[in-house]
Amino acid sequence: MTLDPALPPRVRHILETAPREALPITYQQLAEALGLQPPRTIQRVAQALETLMREDAEQNRAFIAALVVSRRGEGLPAQGFFDLAAELGRFPADPALQAEAWRDEFERVLAVIS
């Protein structure tokens, strides 16, 4: 499945313009805000977020994808976020350190967009 090239810029716009008190948002909320219809809505959101993470890493910007979290778990992004952040050299590979790295990244993004 190829990613719609219009999706990542739309995702970035939604996240950059979301009210601060609405953040973080879930993958499902983002899919709804984008008006995505099944099948694979969350997968498409995740692919768009991964594209944005790669762009942000290239531009040395905070990961805007840090604003999106899973409904499951402890209000953290899905594991794929952490895997890619570590692969891109921005997060520690040690899972015990990743939640704190995400909190720092979340605050960095808020400082930039607000």
Protein backbone atom coordinates (compact mmCIF):
# COMPACT_ATOMS: atom_id res chain seq x y z
CA MET A 1 0.00 0.00 0.00
CA THR A 2 1.49 3.32 -1.03
CA LEU A 3 1.01 6.39 1.09
CA ASP A 4 -1.09 9.22 -0.30
CA PRO A 5 1.54 11.99 -0.69
CA ALA A 6 -1.03 14.57 0.45
CA LEU A 7 -1.46 12.86 3.82
CA PRO A 8 1.76 13.84 5.68
CA PRO A 9 1.34 17.60 5.05
CA ARG A 10 -2.30 17.37 6.18
CA VAL A 11 -1.23 15.52 9.33
CA ARG A 12 1.41 18.16 10.07
CA HIS A 13 -1.14 20.96 9.60
CA ILE A 14 -3.68 19.31 11.93
CA LEU A 15 -1.05 18.78 14.63
CA GLU A 16 0.45 22.26 14.31
CA THR A 17 -2.96 23.93 14.59
CA ALA A 18 -4.55 21.72 17.25
CA PRO A 19 -5.48 23.48 20.48
CA ARG A 20 -2.74 22.87 23.03
CA GLU A 21 -5.23 21.46 25.53
CA ALA A 22 -6.31 18.85 22.96
CA LEU A 23 -2.79 17.40 22.80
CA PRO A 24 -1.69 14.71 22.72
CA ILE A 25 -4.29 13.16 20.42
CA THR A 26 -4.77 9.49 19.62
CA TYR A 27 -4.10 7.82 16.29
CA GLN A 28 -7.86 7.28 16.03
CA GLN A 29 -8.65 10.96 16.66
CA LEU A 30 -6.14 11.93 14.00
CA ALA A 31 -7.64 9.46 11.52
CA GLU A 32 -11.07 11.00 12.19
CA ALA A 33 -9.73 14.55 11.82
CA LEU A 34 -8.30 13.51 8.45
CA GLY A 35 -11.63 12.00 7.43
CA LEU A 36 -10.02 8.63 6.69
CA GLN A 37 -12.30 5.68 6.04
CA PRO A 38 -11.43 2.02 6.70
CA PRO A 39 -9.64 -0.14 5.85
CA ARG A 40 -6.22 0.46 7.40
CA THR A 41 -6.94 3.94 8.77
CA ILE A 42 -4.47 3.64 11.65
CA GLN A 43 -1.83 2.12 9.37
CA ARG A 44 -2.14 5.10 7.00
CA VAL A 45 -1.87 7.53 9.93
CA ALA A 46 1.22 5.68 11.17
CA GLN A 47 2.83 5.79 7.71
CA ALA A 48 2.20 9.53 7.46
CA LEU A 49 3.68 10.07 10.93
CA GLU A 50 6.76 8.03 10.01
CA THR A 51 7.22 10.20 6.91
CA LEU A 52 7.03 13.31 9.10
CA MET A 53 9.53 11.83 11.56
CA ARG A 54 12.02 11.28 8.75
CA GLU A 55 11.47 14.86 7.50
CA ASP A 56 11.86 16.25 11.03
CA ALA A 57 15.06 14.26 11.58
CA GLU A 58 16.50 15.58 8.28
CA GLN A 59 15.62 19.15 9.27
CA ASN A 60 16.76 18.64 12.88
CA ARG A 61 13.29 19.55 14.17
CA ALA A 62 11.42 18.05 17.10
CA PHE A 63 9.26 15.09 16.05
CA ILE A 64 5.75 16.44 15.51
CA ALA A 65 4.66 12.78 15.63
CA ALA A 66 5.32 12.93 19.39
CA LEU A 67 1.91 14.63 19.68
CA VAL A 68 0.10 11.40 18.73
CA VAL A 69 -0.40 8.59 21.23
CA SER A 70 -2.02 5.19 21.42
CA ARG A 71 -5.34 4.64 23.20
CA ARG A 72 -3.79 1.53 24.67
CA GLY A 73 -0.92 1.60 27.08
CA GLU A 74 0.11 4.55 29.18
CA GLY A 75 -0.65 7.48 26.94
CA LEU A 76 2.48 6.92 24.89
CA PRO A 77 2.96 6.58 21.14
CA ALA A 78 2.90 3.12 19.60
CA GLN A 79 6.11 1.08 19.60
CA GLY A 80 6.77 1.96 15.97
CA PHE A 81 7.35 5.59 17.00
CA PHE A 82 10.06 4.56 19.45
CA ASP A 83 11.63 2.10 17.02
CA LEU A 84 11.91 4.74 14.30
CA ALA A 85 13.09 7.46 16.71
CA ALA A 86 15.89 5.14 17.85
CA GLU A 87 16.68 4.13 14.25
CA LEU A 88 16.96 7.81 13.33
CA GLY A 89 19.41 8.28 16.20
CA ARG A 90 17.20 10.60 18.20
CA PHE A 91 16.00 8.30 20.99
CA PRO A 92 17.84 5.79 23.16
CA ALA A 93 17.54 2.17 22.07
CA ASP A 94 16.94 1.17 25.71
CA PRO A 95 13.15 0.88 26.20
CA ALA A 96 13.53 1.89 29.85
CA LEU A 97 14.65 5.36 28.73
CA GLN A 98 12.16 5.89 25.91
CA ALA A 99 9.14 7.21 27.82
CA GLU A 100 11.22 10.00 29.31
CA ALA A 101 12.73 10.78 25.89
CA TRP A 102 9.19 11.00 24.48
CA ARG A 103 8.07 13.39 27.25
CA ASP A 104 11.04 15.65 26.47
CA GLU A 105 10.26 15.50 22.74
CA PHE A 106 6.56 16.26 23.40
CA GLU A 107 7.56 19.40 25.33
CA ARG A 108 10.00 20.43 22.57
CA VAL A 109 7.23 20.20 19.97
CA LEU A 110 4.80 22.20 22.09
CA ALA A 111 7.42 24.92 22.53
CA VAL A 112 7.82 25.19 18.76
CA ILE A 113 4.17 25.13 17.69
CA SER A 114 2.61 27.29 20.40
